[in-house]
């Protein structure tokens, strides 16, 4: 897996101070995408074991309230288990909540076994493709009105979408 960047201290994506990983690669090609260069699966740096260890150490800091996974498209990082292993380590070693942004809808994610595996490690999913005609800068944690902020654990338990905002 390649990644575009890591933000050690992120206050723009999710509540509180968070550590953020922007993965590389996305085939959605949403009009108005703010991370166009990150659509290329070969963009950025290789996510190595050393990078993973550094990310975990950043996340362990007391000031970090959670983790964000954006892209690119995190749910297209299923060619190997790199992202899944990272998410599992975050849970095991820090127990900090994970928020993930995806252009796929919740319903699409749960119908794919590999994507569902990733989703099960996440507390909050912001789902749906960015839609330029529904862009709204007043929305919290999302770029367009069609996107949902979903409580993953409750949604999986209840078998129906539970939105937070």
N, C-alpha and C. Protein backbone atom coordinates (compact mmCIF):
# COMPACT_ATOMS: atom_id res chain seq x y z
N UNK A 1 0.85 -1.18 0.00
CA UNK A 1 0.00 0.00 0.00
C UNK A 1 0.89 1.23 0.00
N UNK A 2 0.45 2.23 -0.73
CA UNK A 2 1.14 3.52 -0.73
C UNK A 2 0.28 4.52 0.05
N UNK A 3 0.95 5.53 0.58
CA UNK A 3 0.22 6.58 1.27
C UNK A 3 0.73 7.93 0.80
N UNK A 4 -0.16 8.91 0.82
CA UNK A 4 0.17 10.26 0.36
C UNK A 4 0.78 11.09 1.47
N UNK A 5 0.17 11.01 2.67
CA UNK A 5 0.73 11.78 3.79
C UNK A 5 0.16 11.29 5.11
N UNK A 6 0.86 11.68 6.16
CA UNK A 6 0.42 11.44 7.53
C UNK A 6 0.40 12.79 8.22
N UNK A 7 -0.70 13.09 8.86
CA UNK A 7 -0.78 14.30 9.68
C UNK A 7 -0.67 13.85 11.14
N UNK A 8 0.37 14.31 11.80
CA UNK A 8 0.60 13.93 13.19
C UNK A 8 -0.45 14.51 14.12
N UNK A 9 -0.81 15.76 13.88
CA UNK A 9 -1.79 16.48 14.71
C UNK A 9 -2.83 17.10 13.80
N UNK A 10 -3.98 16.45 13.67
CA UNK A 10 -5.03 16.89 12.75
C UNK A 10 -6.25 17.33 13.57
N UNK A 11 -6.68 18.55 13.37
CA UNK A 11 -7.87 19.04 14.07
C UNK A 11 -9.02 19.34 13.09
N UNK A 12 -8.83 19.04 11.80
CA UNK A 12 -9.87 19.34 10.82
C UNK A 12 -10.75 18.15 10.48
N UNK A 13 -10.29 16.95 10.71
CA UNK A 13 -11.05 15.74 10.37
C UNK A 13 -11.37 14.98 11.65
N UNK A 14 -12.60 15.08 12.10
CA UNK A 14 -13.00 14.38 13.32
C UNK A 14 -12.81 15.24 14.56
N UNK A 15 -13.42 14.81 15.67
CA UNK A 15 -13.37 15.60 16.91
C UNK A 15 -12.03 15.47 17.64
N UNK A 16 -11.56 16.57 18.20
CA UNK A 16 -10.32 16.56 18.97
C UNK A 16 -9.09 16.50 18.08
N UNK A 17 -7.95 16.35 18.72
CA UNK A 17 -6.68 16.22 18.00
C UNK A 17 -6.54 14.75 17.61
N UNK A 18 -6.26 14.52 16.32
CA UNK A 18 -6.23 13.16 15.80
C UNK A 18 -5.00 12.95 14.92
N UNK A 19 -4.65 11.69 14.70
CA UNK A 19 -3.60 11.33 13.76
C UNK A 19 -4.29 10.83 12.49
N UNK A 20 -3.82 11.30 11.34
CA UNK A 20 -4.51 11.02 10.08
C UNK A 20 -3.58 10.40 9.06
N UNK A 21 -4.10 9.38 8.38
CA UNK A 21 -3.41 8.73 7.28
C UNK A 21 -4.22 8.94 6.00
N UNK A 22 -3.56 9.48 4.98
CA UNK A 22 -4.15 9.61 3.65
C UNK A 22 -3.55 8.51 2.77
N UNK A 23 -4.36 7.51 2.41
CA UNK A 23 -3.87 6.43 1.55
C UNK A 23 -3.92 6.87 0.10
N UNK A 24 -3.12 6.22 -0.74
CA UNK A 24 -3.10 6.52 -2.16
C UNK A 24 -3.94 5.51 -2.93
N UNK A 25 -4.62 6.01 -3.95
CA UNK A 25 -5.39 5.16 -4.84
C UNK A 25 -6.88 5.30 -4.67
N UNK A 26 -7.53 5.65 -5.78
CA UNK A 26 -9.00 5.77 -5.78
C UNK A 26 -9.46 5.76 -7.24
N UNK A 27 -10.50 4.98 -7.51
CA UNK A 27 -11.04 4.92 -8.87
C UNK A 27 -12.37 5.66 -9.01
N UNK A 28 -12.86 6.29 -7.94
CA UNK A 28 -14.16 6.98 -8.01
C UNK A 28 -14.12 8.20 -8.93
N UNK A 29 -13.01 8.95 -8.90
CA UNK A 29 -12.84 10.14 -9.74
C UNK A 29 -14.00 11.13 -9.59
N UNK A 30 -14.34 11.47 -8.37
CA UNK A 30 -15.43 12.41 -8.09
C UNK A 30 -15.10 13.79 -8.64
N UNK A 31 -16.07 14.40 -9.29
CA UNK A 31 -15.90 15.77 -9.77
C UNK A 31 -15.69 16.69 -8.55
N UNK A 32 -14.65 17.51 -8.60
CA UNK A 32 -14.36 18.43 -7.51
C UNK A 32 -13.54 17.81 -6.39
N UNK A 33 -13.01 16.61 -6.60
CA UNK A 33 -12.18 15.95 -5.59
C UNK A 33 -11.05 16.87 -5.15
N UNK A 34 -10.82 16.97 -3.84
CA UNK A 34 -9.75 17.84 -3.34
C UNK A 34 -8.43 17.11 -3.20
N UNK A 35 -8.41 15.81 -3.51
CA UNK A 35 -7.19 15.02 -3.42
C UNK A 35 -6.91 14.29 -4.73
N UNK A 36 -7.03 14.99 -5.85
CA UNK A 36 -6.86 14.37 -7.18
C UNK A 36 -5.56 13.58 -7.32
N UNK A 37 -4.45 14.16 -6.85
CA UNK A 37 -3.17 13.49 -7.01
C UNK A 37 -3.13 12.16 -6.26
N UNK A 38 -3.96 12.03 -5.23
CA UNK A 38 -3.98 10.81 -4.43
C UNK A 38 -4.82 9.70 -5.06
N UNK A 39 -5.41 9.95 -6.21
CA UNK A 39 -6.16 8.91 -6.90
C UNK A 39 -5.24 7.86 -7.50
N UNK A 40 -4.00 8.22 -7.77
CA UNK A 40 -3.01 7.31 -8.35
C UNK A 40 -2.52 6.34 -7.26
N UNK A 41 -2.67 5.05 -7.51
CA UNK A 41 -2.25 4.03 -6.53
C UNK A 41 -0.74 4.01 -6.32
N UNK A 42 0.02 4.61 -7.22
CA UNK A 42 1.48 4.66 -7.09
C UNK A 42 1.98 5.98 -6.52
N UNK A 43 1.07 6.87 -6.15
CA UNK A 43 1.45 8.18 -5.61
C UNK A 43 1.95 8.02 -4.17
N UNK A 44 2.96 8.80 -3.83
CA UNK A 44 3.40 8.86 -2.43
C UNK A 44 4.47 7.86 -2.07
N UNK A 45 4.42 7.43 -0.82
CA UNK A 45 5.45 6.57 -0.23
C UNK A 45 4.90 5.19 0.10
N UNK A 46 5.79 4.23 0.12
CA UNK A 46 5.41 2.87 0.51
C UNK A 46 5.12 2.85 2.01
N UNK A 47 4.01 2.21 2.40
CA UNK A 47 3.66 2.08 3.81
C UNK A 47 4.38 0.85 4.34
N UNK A 48 5.53 1.07 4.95
CA UNK A 48 6.38 -0.02 5.43
C UNK A 48 6.05 -0.37 6.89
N UNK A 49 6.68 -1.41 7.37
CA UNK A 49 6.54 -1.80 8.79
C UNK A 49 7.04 -0.66 9.68
N UNK A 50 8.11 0.02 9.27
CA UNK A 50 8.64 1.15 10.03
C UNK A 50 7.62 2.31 10.06
N UNK A 51 6.99 2.56 8.93
CA UNK A 51 5.96 3.61 8.87
C UNK A 51 4.81 3.25 9.79
N UNK A 52 4.39 2.00 9.75
CA UNK A 52 3.30 1.53 10.61
C UNK A 52 3.66 1.71 12.08
N UNK A 53 4.88 1.32 12.45
CA UNK A 53 5.33 1.47 13.84
C UNK A 53 5.32 2.95 14.26
N UNK A 54 5.80 3.83 13.38
CA UNK A 54 5.81 5.27 13.68
C UNK A 54 4.39 5.80 13.85
N UNK A 55 3.48 5.35 12.98
CA UNK A 55 2.08 5.79 13.05
C UNK A 55 1.46 5.36 14.39
N UNK A 56 1.71 4.13 14.79
CA UNK A 56 1.20 3.63 16.07
C UNK A 56 1.76 4.46 17.22
N UNK A 57 3.03 4.77 17.20
CA UNK A 57 3.64 5.57 18.26
C UNK A 57 3.02 6.97 18.32
N UNK A 58 2.80 7.59 17.17
CA UNK A 58 2.13 8.90 17.13
C UNK A 58 0.75 8.81 17.78
N UNK A 59 0.04 7.74 17.46
CA UNK A 59 -1.33 7.55 17.93
C UNK A 59 -1.38 7.32 19.44
N UNK A 60 -0.34 6.75 20.00
CA UNK A 60 -0.32 6.46 21.44
C UNK A 60 -0.24 7.73 22.31
N UNK A 61 0.14 8.84 21.73
CA UNK A 61 0.27 10.07 22.49
C UNK A 61 -1.04 10.40 23.21
N UNK A 62 -0.93 10.88 24.44
CA UNK A 62 -2.12 11.22 25.24
C UNK A 62 -2.97 12.30 24.60
N UNK A 63 -2.35 13.20 23.85
CA UNK A 63 -3.12 14.30 23.24
C UNK A 63 -3.95 13.84 22.04
N UNK A 64 -3.64 12.67 21.50
CA UNK A 64 -4.38 12.15 20.34
C UNK A 64 -5.66 11.47 20.82
N UNK A 65 -6.78 11.94 20.29
CA UNK A 65 -8.09 11.41 20.69
C UNK A 65 -8.61 10.32 19.77
N UNK A 66 -8.03 10.22 18.56
CA UNK A 66 -8.49 9.21 17.63
C UNK A 66 -7.68 9.24 16.34
N UNK A 67 -8.08 8.38 15.41
CA UNK A 67 -7.38 8.20 14.15
C UNK A 67 -8.36 8.43 13.00
N UNK A 68 -7.86 9.06 11.93
CA UNK A 68 -8.63 9.24 10.70
C UNK A 68 -7.93 8.51 9.57
N UNK A 69 -8.72 7.84 8.73
CA UNK A 69 -8.20 7.18 7.54
C UNK A 69 -8.97 7.74 6.34
N UNK A 70 -8.24 8.46 5.47
CA UNK A 70 -8.84 9.07 4.29
C UNK A 70 -8.01 8.69 3.07
N UNK A 71 -8.33 9.32 1.95
CA UNK A 71 -7.56 9.00 0.75
C UNK A 71 -7.60 10.09 -0.27
N UNK A 72 -7.40 9.57 -1.43
CA UNK A 72 -7.60 8.25 -1.97
C UNK A 72 -8.87 7.60 -1.45
N UNK A 73 -8.87 6.29 -1.54
CA UNK A 73 -10.03 5.49 -1.11
C UNK A 73 -9.56 4.34 -0.23
N UNK A 74 -9.76 4.47 1.08
CA UNK A 74 -9.34 3.39 1.99
C UNK A 74 -9.97 2.04 1.67
N UNK A 75 -11.20 2.02 1.22
CA UNK A 75 -11.88 0.75 0.96
C UNK A 75 -11.41 0.08 -0.34
N UNK A 76 -10.48 0.72 -1.04
CA UNK A 76 -9.85 0.07 -2.19
C UNK A 76 -8.47 -0.47 -1.82
N UNK A 77 -8.13 -0.42 -0.55
CA UNK A 77 -6.84 -0.93 -0.06
C UNK A 77 -7.01 -2.38 0.40
N UNK A 78 -7.56 -3.21 -0.50
CA UNK A 78 -7.84 -4.60 -0.14
C UNK A 78 -7.00 -5.58 -0.96
N UNK A 79 -5.99 -5.07 -1.67
CA UNK A 79 -5.12 -5.95 -2.45
C UNK A 79 -4.18 -6.75 -1.56
N UNK A 80 -4.00 -6.25 -0.33
CA UNK A 80 -3.25 -6.98 0.69
C UNK A 80 -3.84 -6.58 2.05
N UNK A 81 -3.21 -7.00 3.14
CA UNK A 81 -3.75 -6.75 4.47
C UNK A 81 -3.07 -5.60 5.20
N UNK A 82 -2.35 -4.74 4.48
CA UNK A 82 -1.60 -3.67 5.12
C UNK A 82 -2.50 -2.76 5.95
N UNK A 83 -3.59 -2.26 5.35
CA UNK A 83 -4.49 -1.37 6.08
C UNK A 83 -5.22 -2.12 7.19
N UNK A 84 -5.68 -3.31 6.91
CA UNK A 84 -6.37 -4.10 7.93
C UNK A 84 -5.46 -4.34 9.14
N UNK A 85 -4.21 -4.70 8.88
CA UNK A 85 -3.26 -4.92 9.99
C UNK A 85 -3.05 -3.64 10.80
N UNK A 86 -2.95 -2.49 10.11
CA UNK A 86 -2.80 -1.22 10.82
C UNK A 86 -4.01 -0.96 11.72
N UNK A 87 -5.20 -1.12 11.18
CA UNK A 87 -6.42 -0.87 11.97
C UNK A 87 -6.47 -1.78 13.19
N UNK A 88 -6.13 -3.03 13.00
CA UNK A 88 -6.13 -3.98 14.13
C UNK A 88 -5.09 -3.60 15.19
N UNK A 89 -3.94 -3.13 14.74
CA UNK A 89 -2.91 -2.69 15.70
C UNK A 89 -3.38 -1.46 16.47
N UNK A 90 -4.02 -0.53 15.78
CA UNK A 90 -4.53 0.67 16.45
C UNK A 90 -5.49 0.25 17.56
N UNK A 91 -6.39 -0.67 17.27
CA UNK A 91 -7.34 -1.13 18.28
C UNK A 91 -6.63 -1.82 19.43
N UNK A 92 -5.71 -2.73 19.11
CA UNK A 92 -5.03 -3.53 20.13
C UNK A 92 -4.08 -2.71 21.00
N UNK A 93 -3.36 -1.76 20.38
CA UNK A 93 -2.30 -1.07 21.10
C UNK A 93 -2.68 0.31 21.63
N UNK A 94 -3.74 0.90 21.09
CA UNK A 94 -4.11 2.24 21.55
C UNK A 94 -5.57 2.34 21.97
N UNK A 95 -6.41 1.47 21.43
CA UNK A 95 -7.86 1.50 21.66
C UNK A 95 -8.48 2.87 21.36
N UNK A 96 -7.89 3.60 20.44
CA UNK A 96 -8.44 4.91 20.06
C UNK A 96 -9.45 4.72 18.93
N UNK A 97 -10.50 5.54 18.92
CA UNK A 97 -11.53 5.39 17.88
C UNK A 97 -10.99 5.74 16.49
N UNK A 98 -11.44 4.95 15.52
CA UNK A 98 -11.03 5.14 14.13
C UNK A 98 -12.21 5.65 13.32
N UNK A 99 -11.97 6.74 12.60
CA UNK A 99 -12.93 7.28 11.64
C UNK A 99 -12.37 7.03 10.25
N UNK A 100 -13.23 6.63 9.32
CA UNK A 100 -12.80 6.33 7.97
C UNK A 100 -13.74 6.98 6.97
N UNK A 101 -13.18 7.60 5.93
CA UNK A 101 -13.95 8.24 4.86
C UNK A 101 -13.89 7.36 3.64
N UNK A 102 -15.06 7.10 3.02
CA UNK A 102 -15.10 6.26 1.83
C UNK A 102 -16.14 6.78 0.84
N UNK A 103 -15.82 6.67 -0.43
CA UNK A 103 -16.78 6.99 -1.48
C UNK A 103 -17.84 5.91 -1.64
N UNK A 104 -17.56 4.74 -1.10
CA UNK A 104 -18.57 3.67 -1.13
C UNK A 104 -19.62 3.93 -0.07
N UNK A 105 -20.84 3.52 -0.34
CA UNK A 105 -21.89 3.60 0.67
C UNK A 105 -21.76 2.40 1.61
N UNK A 106 -22.24 2.57 2.80
CA UNK A 106 -22.23 1.52 3.82
C UNK A 106 -22.74 0.20 3.25
N UNK A 107 -23.86 0.28 2.53
CA UNK A 107 -24.49 -0.92 1.97
C UNK A 107 -23.56 -1.64 0.98
N UNK A 108 -22.77 -0.89 0.23
CA UNK A 108 -21.81 -1.49 -0.70
C UNK A 108 -20.66 -2.14 0.05
N UNK A 109 -20.22 -1.48 1.11
CA UNK A 109 -19.08 -1.98 1.88
C UNK A 109 -19.42 -3.32 2.54
N UNK A 110 -20.59 -3.41 3.16
CA UNK A 110 -20.92 -4.65 3.87
C UNK A 110 -21.19 -5.82 2.93
N UNK A 111 -21.41 -5.55 1.64
CA UNK A 111 -21.64 -6.64 0.68
C UNK A 111 -20.32 -7.23 0.15
N UNK A 112 -19.19 -6.63 0.52
CA UNK A 112 -17.88 -7.12 0.08
C UNK A 112 -17.13 -7.62 1.31
N UNK A 113 -16.83 -8.91 1.40
CA UNK A 113 -16.20 -9.47 2.61
C UNK A 113 -14.91 -8.78 3.04
N UNK A 114 -14.04 -8.43 2.10
CA UNK A 114 -12.77 -7.79 2.46
C UNK A 114 -13.00 -6.37 2.98
N UNK A 115 -13.93 -5.63 2.38
CA UNK A 115 -14.23 -4.28 2.86
C UNK A 115 -14.94 -4.34 4.21
N UNK A 116 -15.80 -5.32 4.39
CA UNK A 116 -16.48 -5.49 5.67
C UNK A 116 -15.47 -5.76 6.78
N UNK A 117 -14.44 -6.51 6.48
CA UNK A 117 -13.39 -6.77 7.47
C UNK A 117 -12.75 -5.47 7.94
N UNK A 118 -12.46 -4.57 7.01
CA UNK A 118 -11.92 -3.25 7.36
C UNK A 118 -12.93 -2.48 8.21
N UNK A 119 -14.17 -2.47 7.75
CA UNK A 119 -15.22 -1.69 8.42
C UNK A 119 -15.40 -2.11 9.88
N UNK A 120 -15.27 -3.38 10.16
CA UNK A 120 -15.47 -3.88 11.53
C UNK A 120 -14.47 -3.31 12.52
N UNK A 121 -13.36 -2.75 12.03
CA UNK A 121 -12.35 -2.15 12.90
C UNK A 121 -12.60 -0.65 13.15
N UNK A 122 -13.64 -0.12 12.53
CA UNK A 122 -13.90 1.32 12.50
C UNK A 122 -15.09 1.68 13.38
N UNK A 123 -14.99 2.82 14.07
CA UNK A 123 -16.13 3.31 14.87
C UNK A 123 -17.08 4.19 14.05
N UNK A 124 -16.51 5.06 13.22
CA UNK A 124 -17.33 6.00 12.45
C UNK A 124 -16.93 5.94 10.98
N UNK A 125 -17.94 5.83 10.12
CA UNK A 125 -17.75 5.84 8.67
C UNK A 125 -18.44 7.06 8.10
N UNK A 126 -17.71 7.83 7.31
CA UNK A 126 -18.32 8.89 6.51
C UNK A 126 -18.40 8.30 5.11
N UNK A 127 -19.61 8.03 4.64
CA UNK A 127 -19.76 7.29 3.39
C UNK A 127 -20.35 8.13 2.27
N UNK A 128 -20.16 7.65 1.06
CA UNK A 128 -20.71 8.28 -0.12
C UNK A 128 -19.71 9.13 -0.87
N UNK A 129 -19.83 9.11 -2.18
CA UNK A 129 -18.95 9.92 -3.02
C UNK A 129 -19.22 11.40 -2.81
N UNK A 130 -18.16 12.19 -2.90
CA UNK A 130 -18.32 13.64 -2.89
C UNK A 130 -19.09 14.04 -4.14
N UNK A 131 -20.15 14.85 -3.95
CA UNK A 131 -20.94 15.34 -5.08
C UNK A 131 -20.87 16.86 -5.08
N UNK A 132 -20.23 17.39 -6.12
CA UNK A 132 -19.98 18.82 -6.22
C UNK A 132 -21.27 19.63 -6.13
N UNK A 133 -22.36 19.15 -6.74
CA UNK A 133 -23.63 19.89 -6.71
C UNK A 133 -24.30 19.86 -5.34
N UNK A 134 -23.80 19.01 -4.43
CA UNK A 134 -24.33 18.94 -3.06
C UNK A 134 -23.31 19.43 -2.05
N UNK A 135 -22.26 20.09 -2.52
CA UNK A 135 -21.20 20.61 -1.65
C UNK A 135 -21.80 21.58 -0.64
N UNK A 136 -21.36 21.43 0.62
CA UNK A 136 -21.86 22.29 1.69
C UNK A 136 -20.75 22.45 2.72
N UNK A 137 -20.12 23.61 2.75
CA UNK A 137 -18.99 23.83 3.66
C UNK A 137 -19.43 23.96 5.12
N UNK A 138 -20.72 24.00 5.37
CA UNK A 138 -21.20 24.09 6.74
C UNK A 138 -21.37 22.72 7.40
N UNK A 139 -21.26 21.65 6.63
CA UNK A 139 -21.42 20.31 7.18
C UNK A 139 -20.19 19.91 7.99
N UNK A 140 -20.40 19.22 9.08
CA UNK A 140 -19.29 18.72 9.88
C UNK A 140 -18.78 17.41 9.29
N UNK A 141 -17.46 17.34 9.10
CA UNK A 141 -16.74 16.13 8.76
C UNK A 141 -17.03 15.56 7.37
N UNK A 142 -17.75 16.28 6.53
CA UNK A 142 -18.06 15.79 5.19
C UNK A 142 -18.17 16.96 4.23
N UNK A 143 -18.05 16.67 2.96
CA UNK A 143 -18.01 17.73 1.97
C UNK A 143 -19.30 17.98 1.22
N UNK A 144 -20.18 16.96 1.18
CA UNK A 144 -21.44 17.13 0.44
C UNK A 144 -22.60 16.51 1.20
N UNK A 145 -23.78 17.04 0.97
CA UNK A 145 -24.97 16.69 1.75
C UNK A 145 -25.41 15.23 1.60
N UNK A 146 -24.99 14.55 0.55
CA UNK A 146 -25.35 13.15 0.37
C UNK A 146 -24.56 12.22 1.28
N UNK A 147 -23.45 12.69 1.81
CA UNK A 147 -22.60 11.84 2.65
C UNK A 147 -23.19 11.71 4.05
N UNK A 148 -22.97 10.54 4.65
CA UNK A 148 -23.52 10.27 5.98
C UNK A 148 -22.38 10.01 6.98
N UNK A 149 -22.61 10.41 8.22
CA UNK A 149 -21.68 10.12 9.32
C UNK A 149 -22.34 9.00 10.13
N UNK A 150 -21.77 7.81 10.05
CA UNK A 150 -22.44 6.60 10.53
C UNK A 150 -21.71 5.99 11.73
N UNK A 151 -22.47 5.63 12.75
CA UNK A 151 -21.97 4.86 13.88
C UNK A 151 -21.90 3.40 13.40
N UNK A 152 -20.70 2.93 13.11
CA UNK A 152 -20.52 1.61 12.50
C UNK A 152 -20.97 0.50 13.43
N UNK A 153 -20.53 0.53 14.68
CA UNK A 153 -20.85 -0.57 15.60
C UNK A 153 -22.36 -0.73 15.78
N UNK A 154 -23.05 0.37 16.04
CA UNK A 154 -24.51 0.31 16.20
C UNK A 154 -25.20 -0.13 14.93
N UNK A 155 -24.72 0.35 13.79
CA UNK A 155 -25.33 -0.01 12.50
C UNK A 155 -25.18 -1.50 12.22
N UNK A 156 -24.02 -2.05 12.49
CA UNK A 156 -23.81 -3.48 12.28
C UNK A 156 -24.64 -4.31 13.25
N UNK A 157 -24.76 -3.86 14.50
CA UNK A 157 -25.56 -4.58 15.50
C UNK A 157 -27.04 -4.57 15.14
N UNK A 158 -27.54 -3.40 14.73
CA UNK A 158 -28.98 -3.25 14.46
C UNK A 158 -29.39 -3.70 13.07
N UNK A 159 -28.42 -3.83 12.17
CA UNK A 159 -28.74 -4.21 10.81
C UNK A 159 -29.36 -3.07 10.00
N UNK A 160 -29.21 -1.85 10.51
CA UNK A 160 -29.69 -0.66 9.78
C UNK A 160 -28.78 0.53 10.13
N UNK A 161 -28.75 1.49 9.24
CA UNK A 161 -27.84 2.64 9.40
C UNK A 161 -28.25 3.50 10.60
N UNK A 162 -27.26 3.78 11.44
CA UNK A 162 -27.44 4.70 12.57
C UNK A 162 -26.51 5.87 12.32
N UNK A 163 -27.10 7.02 11.96
CA UNK A 163 -26.31 8.21 11.69
C UNK A 163 -26.05 8.97 12.98
N UNK A 164 -24.86 9.59 13.04
CA UNK A 164 -24.48 10.38 14.21
C UNK A 164 -24.90 11.82 14.02
N UNK A 165 -24.65 12.38 12.82
CA UNK A 165 -24.99 13.78 12.55
C UNK A 165 -26.05 13.85 11.48
